[in-house]
Amino acid sequence: MVPILNFTKQAPQLILSILISLFWVLFLWNFWARGVYALGINGSIFLLWLLILFNGLDTKVRIFSVPSIAWSLPLLFMVLSFAVYENPFIKTVNILIMPILFSILINYNLAKDDKKKYWSLNFFFRLTARIFSPLTRLLAALGAYNQLIKLKPNHGKFFKKIIVGLLLLFLIITTLVGPLLASADPDFASRLNYIYQWLADIVSAELFAQIIVFAILSVLIYAVFLSWQKPVDYNAPAKEKNDQADSIISGIVIGGLLFIYLLFLWVQLERLWVNALPVNFKDVEVLVKDGFWQLMFLSVLNIVIFLFTYRKTNFIVQVILAVFTIASLLLLAPAGYRMFLYVIFYGFSYEKFFASYTVLYCAIFFAYLIFKILGRHQVDVIKFSFFLFLWMYGLINIFPVEQFILRANIILARNPNSRIDLSESKILSADVLSYIENNGDKDFMKINRHDDDPVDWQTWIEDRKQILGAKKWYEMNAVNIFYILNKN
C-alpha cells in the first residue's frame, strides 16, 4: 500500500475528483462523437471545478487571490469562453494548450517567493514539465481510492457474499431458468424478452466505456492534485548574471546578422512597401504568405538570440544588441504591412486574423524590449513574453472573433477593388448564425468578387441549425441561447 499523507484532510479533494470525473462522463460524453461542438456550458463548468480543486492545493496561496489575479484572470477568460462562444477554432486550440497553461500557472503560483523569481529557461522548463508529474503519483491516487472504499474485515466478507450471490442468481436466470420458462409459456417469453432488452439497454458497451473512463479520469485528476501539492523545487536567482555568454562570439553573430538585416531592408525597401498585390493569386501567396512566414520565423529567431545574449555579454555587445532589436522590429513592419494588404484585398479568415494578431504580439514584445534597453532597465524576457502571450490569448477568448471576421469582410467587400468572396466566410460557426439568417438574402451578403456568382447562404444556415438542434441543453453556449430566445 502506498502511504497517503494527511488523507483525512485530502478526502474532500478526492471526493471532488470523483464528482468532476462523474460530471465529465455524464455531461461531456458526446465530445467523442461531435467534437468541440459538444462543449458549451458543460465545458466551462468542468474546467471551473478543476480550478476549484487546484485552488485548494495550498491554503496560504490561492489561484484567484489579489496578488495572483493578474496571472489567473486570462485563464478564467479561456475557461468561460466555452460557455460564451461556439468558435470551434479557439476551442480546439484551448484543448491543446490549456493543460500546459494550467501546469505553468498553477505551479508558478505555488512556487515559494514566485513573484521574485527570475524566469530562466531552466525554471520555465521545470514549470512546463510539471504536466508529466501526475504520472509519478498514479499509485498514490489508487491507494487513496482503496482507503476510501476500504471496509472492516467482517463487513468485507458480508458484502463479498452478497455480490457472489447476485452474480450466481443472474447467471442461473439468464442461462437456465429463464429460457426454460420462456419455452413453456409464450406470454412469459415476451415479457422476459422485454426484461432482457431493458437490461441490454442499461448494461451496454457504452456504459462499460463510461465506467472505464470515469475510473481513469478520477484517478488521473486526483494524481494531478497530489503531484502539484509540492512546490517546484528550484532556487532561481533574483536576476541573471552578466558575462554568461562569450562576448566575442555573440558580438560576431549579432553584428553579422544586424548587417544582413540592414542590407536586406535597404535593398528590398521598394519591394517591401508595395501598394497593391499581384493579380495572380499564386503570386500573391508567394509575396504575402511565404514572405510573411519567413519574416515571422526571423522574428522568433531574433527573440531566441536576444534571450541568450541579453545582459550576458559586455557593454559593446549590448549596444549592438539594442540596435539589433530595433532592426528586428523594422523587419516585422513589412511583414505586418503585407498581411494588411492581404486582408484588404482578400478579407479575413481564421489564419489571417491570428497571423495579424501574431504580428501585433511581436511588435509589442520588441517595442517593450527597446524601451527597457534604452532605459537601461532589466528585463525578465521569458516571464514577460509568457505574460504577454497569456493576456493577449486570454483576451482573444472573450473577443467576438467570428463576428469581427464576418463584419470586416462585409465592409471590405464593398470596395470595388477587393477580391473577396464572402462564401469563404462559411467556415464560421453559429456565432454568426443570427446575423446571417437575418441578412443572408440582402445584396451586401452576396458579394463574390472571385467569379461574381452570388453567394447562397441557405445551405450554411441549415447546416448550422442542424448542429444547434443536435445539442443538449448543457452543450449550449450564451450565443446559442440568445439565438433560440430571439427565435421564440
Protein backbone atom coordinates (compact mmCIF):
# COMPACT_ATOMS: atom_id res chain seq x y z
CA MET A 1 0.00 0.00 0.00
CA VAL A 2 1.36 3.41 -0.99
CA PRO A 3 1.05 5.73 2.02
CA ILE A 4 -1.09 8.85 1.57
CA LEU A 5 -0.08 11.74 3.80
CA ASN A 6 -2.85 13.61 5.62
CA PHE A 7 -5.50 11.56 3.87
CA THR A 8 -8.28 12.78 6.13
CA LYS A 9 -7.52 16.37 5.12
CA GLN A 10 -7.42 15.43 1.43
CA ALA A 11 -10.66 13.44 1.44
CA PRO A 12 -12.71 16.44 0.15
CA GLN A 13 -10.34 16.80 -2.82
CA LEU A 14 -10.63 13.07 -3.50
CA ILE A 15 -14.42 13.26 -3.47
CA LEU A 16 -14.30 16.37 -5.67
CA SER A 17 -12.09 14.48 -8.14
CA ILE A 18 -14.75 11.75 -8.28
CA LEU A 19 -17.54 14.30 -8.83
CA ILE A 20 -15.57 16.08 -11.57
CA SER A 21 -14.98 12.77 -13.37
CA LEU A 22 -18.63 11.79 -12.99
CA PHE A 23 -19.64 15.18 -14.43
CA TRP A 24 -17.41 14.59 -17.45
CA VAL A 25 -18.92 11.16 -18.13
CA LEU A 26 -22.50 12.41 -17.74
CA PHE A 27 -22.33 15.79 -19.46
CA LEU A 28 -19.34 15.75 -21.82
CA TRP A 29 -19.61 12.23 -23.23
CA ASN A 30 -20.87 13.48 -26.60
CA PHE A 31 -17.44 15.01 -27.17
CA TRP A 32 -16.30 11.67 -28.60
CA ALA A 33 -18.96 11.86 -31.32
CA ARG A 34 -19.32 15.57 -32.09
CA GLY A 35 -16.02 17.06 -31.03
CA VAL A 36 -15.81 20.64 -29.80
CA TYR A 37 -19.43 21.34 -30.79
CA ALA A 38 -20.44 19.33 -27.70
CA LEU A 39 -18.54 21.75 -25.46
CA GLY A 40 -20.53 24.65 -24.07
CA ILE A 41 -21.71 25.42 -20.56
CA ASN A 42 -20.64 21.89 -19.60
CA GLY A 43 -17.05 22.58 -20.67
CA SER A 44 -16.80 25.74 -18.59
CA ILE A 45 -18.30 24.06 -15.51
CA PHE A 46 -15.88 21.14 -15.81
CA LEU A 47 -12.87 23.48 -16.04
CA LEU A 48 -14.16 25.67 -13.21
CA TRP A 49 -14.39 22.60 -10.99
CA LEU A 50 -10.78 21.81 -11.82
CA LEU A 51 -9.75 25.34 -10.85
CA ILE A 52 -11.64 24.96 -7.57
CA LEU A 53 -9.79 21.69 -6.91
CA PHE A 54 -6.38 23.20 -7.70
CA ASN A 55 -7.21 26.33 -5.75
CA GLY A 56 -7.11 24.15 -2.61
CA LEU A 57 -3.56 22.94 -3.19
CA ASP A 58 -2.12 25.40 -0.69
CA THR A 59 -4.16 27.16 1.99
CA LYS A 60 -1.69 30.04 2.04
CA VAL A 61 -1.65 30.64 -1.72
CA ARG A 62 -4.83 30.92 -3.76
CA ILE A 63 -5.03 30.99 -7.53
CA PHE A 64 -7.59 33.78 -7.53
CA SER A 65 -6.18 35.85 -4.69
CA VAL A 66 -5.42 39.54 -5.29
CA PRO A 67 -1.63 39.03 -5.76
CA SER A 68 -2.24 36.25 -8.31
CA ILE A 69 -5.19 37.68 -10.23
CA ALA A 70 -3.02 39.22 -12.97
CA TRP A 71 -1.86 35.71 -13.88
CA SER A 72 -5.12 33.87 -13.24
CA LEU A 73 -7.67 36.16 -14.91
CA PRO A 74 -6.65 35.29 -18.52
CA LEU A 75 -7.00 31.62 -17.62
CA LEU A 76 -10.51 32.33 -16.36
CA PHE A 77 -11.31 34.01 -19.69
CA MET A 78 -10.30 30.81 -21.50
CA VAL A 79 -12.46 28.71 -19.18
CA LEU A 80 -15.53 30.93 -19.63
CA SER A 81 -15.13 31.13 -23.42
CA PHE A 82 -16.60 27.63 -23.76
CA ALA A 83 -19.85 28.89 -22.25
CA VAL A 84 -19.92 32.09 -24.32
CA TYR A 85 -18.95 31.32 -27.93
CA GLU A 86 -19.23 28.50 -30.43
CA ASN A 87 -15.91 29.26 -32.15
CA PRO A 88 -14.53 25.75 -32.93
CA PHE A 89 -11.06 27.03 -33.83
CA ILE A 90 -10.37 28.62 -30.44
CA LYS A 91 -11.93 25.68 -28.58
CA THR A 92 -9.63 23.26 -30.42
CA VAL A 93 -6.57 25.38 -29.62
CA ASN A 94 -7.69 25.64 -25.98
CA ILE A 95 -7.87 21.86 -25.64
CA LEU A 96 -4.27 21.63 -26.87
CA ILE A 97 -2.65 24.42 -24.84
CA MET A 98 -4.74 24.70 -21.66
CA PRO A 99 -3.09 21.69 -19.95
CA ILE A 100 0.29 23.39 -20.46
CA LEU A 101 -1.01 26.75 -19.24
CA PHE A 102 -2.64 25.08 -16.21
CA SER A 103 0.66 23.42 -15.37
CA ILE A 104 2.74 26.58 -15.69
CA LEU A 105 0.36 28.99 -13.95
CA ILE A 106 -0.71 26.82 -11.03
CA ASN A 107 2.80 25.64 -10.23
CA TYR A 108 4.26 29.12 -10.63
CA ASN A 109 1.56 30.43 -8.32
CA LEU A 110 2.56 27.91 -5.66
CA ALA A 111 6.32 28.40 -6.01
CA LYS A 112 7.98 29.99 -3.00
CA ASP A 113 8.52 33.72 -3.49
CA ASP A 114 7.21 33.24 -7.01
CA LYS A 115 6.87 36.95 -7.78
CA LYS A 116 10.58 37.47 -7.11
CA LYS A 117 11.87 34.61 -9.23
CA TYR A 118 13.74 35.35 -12.42
CA TRP A 119 12.39 33.16 -15.24
CA SER A 120 15.42 31.41 -16.60
CA LEU A 121 14.94 28.71 -19.24
CA ASN A 122 15.55 26.10 -16.58
CA PHE A 123 12.79 27.48 -14.37
CA PHE A 124 10.34 27.75 -17.29
CA PHE A 125 11.00 24.18 -18.42
CA ARG A 126 10.56 22.90 -14.87
CA LEU A 127 7.17 24.57 -14.69
CA THR A 128 6.18 23.12 -18.06
CA ALA A 129 7.46 19.65 -17.16
CA ARG A 130 5.10 19.52 -14.18
CA ILE A 131 2.41 18.46 -16.63
CA PHE A 132 4.01 14.99 -16.55
CA SER A 133 4.47 14.80 -12.77
CA PRO A 134 1.00 13.25 -12.13
CA LEU A 135 2.29 10.05 -13.76
CA THR A 136 4.52 9.56 -10.71
CA ARG A 137 1.53 9.75 -8.33
CA LEU A 138 -0.87 7.35 -10.01
CA LEU A 139 -0.19 4.59 -7.48
CA ALA A 140 -0.72 7.02 -4.62
CA ALA A 141 -4.05 8.09 -6.13
CA LEU A 142 -5.10 4.43 -6.47
CA GLY A 143 -4.13 3.86 -2.85
CA ALA A 144 -6.30 6.79 -1.81
CA TYR A 145 -9.32 5.29 -3.54
CA ASN A 146 -8.61 1.97 -1.86
CA GLN A 147 -8.68 3.69 1.54
CA LEU A 148 -11.89 5.49 0.63
CA ILE A 149 -13.78 2.25 -0.04
CA LYS A 150 -11.92 0.10 2.48
CA LEU A 151 -14.24 -1.92 4.76
CA LYS A 152 -13.79 -3.70 8.06
CA PRO A 153 -12.88 -7.41 7.68
CA ASN A 154 -16.26 -8.74 8.82
CA HIS A 155 -18.14 -6.21 6.67
CA GLY A 156 -15.95 -7.03 3.70
CA LYS A 157 -16.82 -10.73 3.81
CA PHE A 158 -20.51 -9.90 4.16
CA PHE A 159 -20.57 -7.69 1.04
CA LYS A 160 -18.46 -10.16 -0.95
CA LYS A 161 -21.04 -12.88 -0.25
CA ILE A 162 -23.87 -10.59 -1.42
CA ILE A 163 -22.04 -9.82 -4.66
CA VAL A 164 -21.26 -13.51 -5.35
CA GLY A 165 -24.89 -14.46 -4.66
CA LEU A 166 -26.25 -11.82 -7.02
CA LEU A 167 -23.86 -12.88 -9.78
CA LEU A 168 -24.85 -16.57 -9.42
CA LEU A 169 -28.53 -15.66 -9.43
CA PHE A 170 -28.09 -13.58 -12.58
CA LEU A 171 -26.23 -16.38 -14.40
CA ILE A 172 -28.77 -19.07 -13.44
CA ILE A 173 -31.76 -16.97 -14.52
CA THR A 174 -30.30 -15.79 -17.83
CA THR A 175 -28.77 -19.10 -18.94
CA LEU A 176 -31.03 -21.80 -17.47
CA VAL A 177 -34.27 -20.91 -15.66
CA GLY A 178 -35.28 -18.01 -17.93
CA PRO A 179 -35.01 -19.90 -21.25
CA LEU A 180 -36.82 -22.98 -19.81
CA LEU A 181 -39.78 -20.94 -18.51
CA ALA A 182 -39.91 -18.94 -21.73
CA SER A 183 -40.21 -22.12 -23.80
CA ALA A 184 -43.07 -23.29 -21.54
CA ASP A 185 -45.17 -20.10 -21.85
CA PRO A 186 -45.07 -17.75 -24.93
CA ASP A 187 -46.65 -14.89 -22.95
CA PHE A 188 -43.95 -15.20 -20.28
CA ALA A 189 -41.34 -15.34 -23.05
CA SER A 190 -42.47 -11.98 -24.45
CA ARG A 191 -42.33 -10.41 -21.00
CA LEU A 192 -38.91 -11.93 -20.37
CA ASN A 193 -37.64 -10.58 -23.70
CA TYR A 194 -38.76 -7.13 -22.59
CA ILE A 195 -36.71 -7.51 -19.39
CA TYR A 196 -33.73 -8.76 -21.41
CA GLN A 197 -33.98 -5.73 -23.69
CA TRP A 198 -34.21 -3.41 -20.71
CA LEU A 199 -31.08 -4.98 -19.21
CA ALA A 200 -29.30 -4.76 -22.58
CA ASP A 201 -30.10 -1.05 -22.77
CA ILE A 202 -28.65 -0.50 -19.30
CA VAL A 203 -25.69 -2.86 -19.43
CA SER A 204 -24.34 -1.71 -22.80
CA ALA A 205 -20.87 -1.36 -24.25
CA GLU A 206 -21.19 2.40 -23.85
CA LEU A 207 -21.90 2.01 -20.15
CA PHE A 208 -18.77 -0.11 -19.68
CA ALA A 209 -16.78 2.51 -21.61
CA GLN A 210 -18.17 5.27 -19.39
CA ILE A 211 -17.25 3.34 -16.25
CA ILE A 212 -13.70 2.80 -17.51
CA VAL A 213 -13.26 6.46 -18.50
CA PHE A 214 -14.74 7.58 -15.17
CA ALA A 215 -12.29 5.40 -13.22
CA ILE A 216 -9.26 6.50 -15.24
CA LEU A 217 -10.20 10.18 -15.17
CA SER A 218 -10.90 10.26 -11.44
CA VAL A 219 -7.56 8.63 -10.62
CA LEU A 220 -5.71 10.93 -13.01
CA ILE A 221 -7.31 14.13 -11.66
CA TYR A 222 -6.51 13.18 -8.08
CA ALA A 223 -2.97 12.24 -9.12
CA VAL A 224 -2.61 15.78 -10.54
CA PHE A 225 -3.76 17.18 -7.21
CA LEU A 226 -1.25 15.03 -5.29
CA SER A 227 1.68 15.76 -7.59
CA TRP A 228 1.16 19.53 -7.65
CA GLN A 229 0.93 19.86 -3.87
CA LYS A 230 4.69 20.10 -3.53
CA PRO A 231 6.00 23.42 -4.91
CA VAL A 232 8.62 23.47 -7.65
CA ASP A 233 11.99 22.85 -6.03
CA TYR A 234 14.07 25.47 -7.76
CA ASN A 235 16.19 28.25 -6.32
CA ALA A 236 16.07 30.75 -9.16
CA PRO A 237 18.40 33.74 -8.89
CA ALA A 238 16.92 37.19 -8.42
CA LYS A 239 18.49 38.14 -11.77
CA GLU A 240 20.73 36.65 -14.39
CA LYS A 241 24.44 37.32 -14.05
CA ASN A 242 26.35 39.09 -16.79
CA ASP A 243 29.06 37.59 -18.96
CA GLN A 244 27.43 34.17 -19.10
CA ALA A 245 27.79 34.19 -22.89
CA ASP A 246 31.04 34.71 -24.77
CA SER A 247 31.12 38.37 -25.82
CA ILE A 248 33.35 37.83 -28.87
CA ILE A 249 31.23 35.04 -30.36
CA SER A 250 27.98 36.81 -29.50
CA GLY A 251 29.23 40.11 -30.93
CA ILE A 252 30.23 38.48 -34.22
CA VAL A 253 26.89 36.66 -34.59
CA ILE A 254 24.68 39.61 -33.63
CA GLY A 255 26.76 42.14 -35.58
CA GLY A 256 26.78 39.95 -38.69
CA LEU A 257 23.05 39.37 -38.57
CA LEU A 258 22.45 43.07 -37.98
CA PHE A 259 24.47 43.93 -41.10
CA ILE A 260 22.48 41.41 -43.18
CA TYR A 261 19.16 42.73 -41.85
CA LEU A 262 20.07 46.35 -42.62
CA LEU A 263 21.27 45.39 -46.11
CA PHE A 264 18.04 43.45 -46.71
CA LEU A 265 15.90 46.39 -45.58
CA TRP A 266 17.82 48.80 -47.80
CA VAL A 267 17.82 46.64 -50.95
CA GLN A 268 14.22 45.48 -50.62
CA LEU A 269 12.76 48.79 -49.42
CA GLU A 270 10.69 49.46 -52.54
CA ARG A 271 9.51 45.86 -52.89
CA LEU A 272 8.59 45.51 -49.24
CA TRP A 273 6.30 48.52 -49.16
CA VAL A 274 4.12 47.61 -52.14
CA ASN A 275 0.86 49.50 -52.74
CA ALA A 276 -1.04 46.63 -54.36
CA LEU A 277 -0.93 42.88 -54.74
CA PRO A 278 -0.37 40.92 -57.97
CA VAL A 279 -3.45 39.84 -59.92
CA ASN A 280 -2.46 36.17 -59.97
CA PHE A 281 -3.31 34.51 -56.64
CA LYS A 282 -0.24 32.25 -56.73
CA ASP A 283 1.95 35.33 -56.97
CA VAL A 284 0.05 36.75 -54.03
CA GLU A 285 0.77 33.63 -51.97
CA VAL A 286 4.50 33.89 -52.77
CA LEU A 287 4.66 37.59 -51.97
CA VAL A 288 2.46 37.64 -48.89
CA LYS A 289 2.09 34.22 -47.30
CA ASP A 290 5.56 32.83 -47.91
CA GLY A 291 7.29 36.15 -47.30
CA PHE A 292 5.21 36.77 -44.20
CA TRP A 293 6.06 33.48 -42.50
CA GLN A 294 9.73 33.80 -43.43
CA LEU A 295 9.90 37.18 -41.74
CA MET A 296 7.92 35.86 -38.77
CA PHE A 297 10.39 32.99 -38.40
CA LEU A 298 13.21 35.52 -38.36
CA SER A 299 11.37 37.42 -35.61
CA VAL A 300 11.19 34.26 -33.50
CA LEU A 301 14.89 33.60 -34.17
CA ASN A 302 15.71 37.14 -33.09
CA ILE A 303 13.78 36.63 -29.84
CA VAL A 304 15.82 33.49 -29.13
CA ILE A 305 19.09 35.31 -29.86
CA PHE A 306 18.04 38.14 -27.55
CA LEU A 307 17.16 35.63 -24.86
CA PHE A 308 20.61 34.01 -24.89
CA THR A 309 22.62 37.24 -25.05
CA TYR A 310 20.69 39.90 -23.10
CA ARG A 311 22.77 41.08 -20.11
CA LYS A 312 25.12 38.14 -20.60
CA THR A 313 27.83 39.95 -22.58
CA ASN A 314 29.89 43.13 -22.29
CA PHE A 315 28.63 46.68 -22.85
CA ILE A 316 29.64 46.92 -26.54
CA VAL A 317 27.73 43.76 -27.46
CA GLN A 318 24.72 45.01 -25.51
CA VAL A 319 24.74 48.21 -27.59
CA ILE A 320 24.83 46.11 -30.77
CA LEU A 321 22.00 44.00 -29.33
CA ALA A 322 19.89 47.13 -28.81
CA VAL A 323 20.33 48.14 -32.48
CA PHE A 324 19.69 44.51 -33.45
CA THR A 325 16.37 44.61 -31.57
CA ILE A 326 15.35 47.81 -33.39
CA ALA A 327 16.21 46.14 -36.72
CA SER A 328 14.07 43.14 -35.69
CA LEU A 329 11.11 45.45 -35.19
CA LEU A 330 11.75 47.04 -38.61
CA LEU A 331 11.81 43.59 -40.21
CA LEU A 332 8.45 42.88 -38.62
CA ALA A 333 6.86 46.04 -40.03
CA PRO A 334 6.84 45.00 -43.74
CA ALA A 335 5.52 41.56 -42.75
CA GLY A 336 2.62 43.22 -40.99
CA TYR A 337 2.07 45.55 -43.95
CA ARG A 338 1.94 42.62 -46.37
CA MET A 339 -0.61 40.87 -44.20
CA PHE A 340 -2.58 44.13 -44.05
CA LEU A 341 -2.72 44.26 -47.86
CA TYR A 342 -3.67 40.59 -47.99
CA VAL A 343 -6.60 41.23 -45.66
CA ILE A 344 -7.70 44.37 -47.52
CA PHE A 345 -7.84 42.53 -50.85
CA TYR A 346 -8.93 39.03 -49.77
CA GLY A 347 -10.61 39.54 -46.40
CA PHE A 348 -10.17 37.89 -43.03
CA SER A 349 -10.09 34.18 -42.20
CA TYR A 350 -9.03 32.35 -39.05
CA GLU A 351 -5.50 32.12 -40.43
CA LYS A 352 -5.21 35.79 -41.42
CA PHE A 353 -6.83 37.02 -38.21
CA PHE A 354 -4.44 35.14 -35.92
CA ALA A 355 -1.45 35.85 -38.19
CA SER A 356 -2.23 39.56 -37.81
CA TYR A 357 -2.57 39.05 -34.07
CA THR A 358 0.83 37.35 -34.00
CA VAL A 359 2.37 40.37 -35.72
CA LEU A 360 0.82 42.59 -33.04
CA TYR A 361 2.25 40.34 -30.32
CA CYS A 362 5.78 40.50 -31.76
CA ALA A 363 5.52 44.27 -32.28
CA ILE A 364 4.53 44.85 -28.63
CA PHE A 365 7.26 42.48 -27.50
CA PHE A 366 10.06 44.18 -29.47
CA ALA A 367 8.80 47.67 -28.61
CA TYR A 368 8.84 46.75 -24.92
CA LEU A 369 12.38 45.37 -25.20
CA ILE A 370 13.60 48.50 -26.96
CA PHE A 371 12.00 50.72 -24.31
CA LYS A 372 13.60 48.72 -21.50
CA ILE A 373 17.03 48.56 -23.14
CA LEU A 374 17.15 52.28 -23.87
CA GLY A 375 16.02 52.97 -20.32
CA ARG A 376 18.67 50.58 -19.02
CA HIS A 377 16.09 48.56 -17.11
CA GLN A 378 16.44 44.87 -16.51
CA VAL A 379 14.02 42.70 -18.46
CA ASP A 380 12.86 39.24 -17.46
CA VAL A 381 12.47 38.19 -21.09
CA ILE A 382 10.85 34.76 -20.67
CA LYS A 383 8.50 35.93 -17.96
CA PHE A 384 7.36 38.98 -19.94
CA SER A 385 6.92 37.04 -23.21
CA PHE A 386 4.79 34.41 -21.46
CA PHE A 387 2.78 37.04 -19.54
CA LEU A 388 2.13 38.96 -22.77
CA PHE A 389 1.07 35.79 -24.57
CA LEU A 390 -1.17 34.81 -21.67
CA TRP A 391 -3.07 38.10 -21.68
CA MET A 392 -3.29 38.50 -25.46
CA TYR A 393 -4.56 34.95 -25.87
CA GLY A 394 -6.87 35.26 -22.86
CA LEU A 395 -8.45 38.44 -24.27
CA ILE A 396 -8.99 36.85 -27.67
CA ASN A 397 -11.05 34.15 -25.94
CA ILE A 398 -13.66 36.69 -24.85
CA PHE A 399 -13.45 38.74 -28.06
CA PRO A 400 -16.20 38.03 -30.66
CA VAL A 401 -13.71 36.83 -33.27
CA GLU A 402 -16.22 35.42 -35.76
CA GLN A 403 -18.47 38.47 -35.60
CA PHE A 404 -15.41 40.63 -36.27
CA ILE A 405 -14.26 38.47 -39.22
CA LEU A 406 -17.69 38.46 -40.89
CA ARG A 407 -18.48 42.14 -40.43
CA ALA A 408 -14.97 43.20 -41.51
CA ASN A 409 -15.24 41.07 -44.66
CA ILE A 410 -18.63 42.60 -45.48
CA ILE A 411 -17.20 46.12 -45.19
CA LEU A 412 -14.06 45.26 -47.18
CA ALA A 413 -16.10 43.51 -49.91
CA ARG A 414 -17.87 46.76 -50.74
CA ASN A 415 -14.61 48.12 -52.14
CA PRO A 416 -14.74 47.66 -55.96
CA ASN A 417 -11.03 46.75 -56.00
CA SER A 418 -11.41 43.94 -53.45
CA ARG A 419 -11.17 40.28 -54.43
CA ILE A 420 -13.24 39.00 -51.53
CA ASP A 421 -15.61 36.07 -51.90
CA LEU A 422 -18.00 36.19 -48.95
CA SER A 423 -18.73 32.48 -49.38
CA GLU A 424 -15.32 31.87 -47.79
CA SER A 425 -16.89 33.12 -44.54
CA LYS A 426 -18.92 29.90 -44.48
CA ILE A 427 -16.12 28.39 -42.38
CA LEU A 428 -17.59 30.35 -39.47
CA SER A 429 -19.80 28.77 -36.83
CA ALA A 430 -23.21 29.52 -35.34
CA ASP A 431 -21.69 32.55 -33.59
CA VAL A 432 -22.82 34.49 -36.69
CA LEU A 433 -25.96 32.45 -37.43
CA SER A 434 -28.40 35.08 -36.21
CA TYR A 435 -26.79 37.84 -38.28
CA ILE A 436 -26.58 35.78 -41.47
CA GLU A 437 -30.11 34.42 -41.12
CA ASN A 438 -31.45 37.97 -40.80
CA ASN A 439 -29.34 39.43 -43.62
CA GLY A 440 -28.38 36.48 -45.86
CA ASP A 441 -30.85 37.46 -48.60
CA LYS A 442 -29.57 41.05 -48.85
CA ASP A 443 -27.27 42.17 -51.64
CA PHE A 444 -24.34 43.12 -49.39
CA MET A 445 -24.20 39.49 -48.17
CA LYS A 446 -24.00 38.02 -51.68
CA ILE A 447 -20.83 39.74 -52.91
CA ASN A 448 -18.43 37.44 -54.75
CA ARG A 449 -15.51 39.25 -56.39
CA HIS A 450 -14.00 35.94 -57.46
CA ASP A 451 -16.47 34.92 -60.18
CA ASP A 452 -19.44 37.26 -59.50
CA ASP A 453 -21.68 34.29 -58.67
CA PRO A 454 -23.99 35.50 -55.84
CA VAL A 455 -23.37 33.80 -52.51
CA ASP A 456 -26.16 31.50 -51.33
CA TRP A 457 -26.28 31.19 -47.53
CA GLN A 458 -29.27 28.86 -47.22
CA THR A 459 -27.32 25.57 -47.07
CA TRP A 460 -24.92 27.04 -44.49
CA ILE A 461 -27.86 28.22 -42.37
CA GLU A 462 -29.48 24.78 -42.43
CA ASP A 463 -26.19 23.08 -41.51
CA ARG A 464 -25.65 25.37 -38.54
CA LYS A 465 -29.24 24.87 -37.40
CA GLN A 466 -28.75 21.12 -37.60
CA ILE A 467 -25.65 21.33 -35.40
CA LEU A 468 -27.54 23.54 -32.97
CA GLY A 469 -30.54 21.19 -32.92
CA ALA A 470 -28.33 18.22 -32.02
CA LYS A 471 -27.10 19.91 -28.86
CA LYS A 472 -28.37 19.07 -25.41
CA TRP A 473 -29.19 21.97 -23.10
CA TYR A 474 -25.90 21.73 -21.23
CA GLU A 475 -23.93 21.78 -24.50
CA MET A 476 -25.30 25.20 -25.40
CA ASN A 477 -23.40 28.45 -25.02
CA ALA A 478 -24.57 32.01 -24.50
CA VAL A 479 -24.71 32.77 -28.23
CA ASN A 480 -26.81 29.64 -28.86
CA ILE A 481 -29.20 30.52 -26.04
CA PHE A 482 -29.68 34.10 -27.24
CA TYR A 483 -30.39 32.83 -30.75
CA ILE A 484 -33.04 30.38 -29.51
CA LEU A 485 -34.67 33.01 -27.27
CA ASN A 486 -34.80 35.53 -30.13
CA LYS A 487 -36.37 32.95 -32.45
CA ASN A 488 -39.01 32.17 -29.84
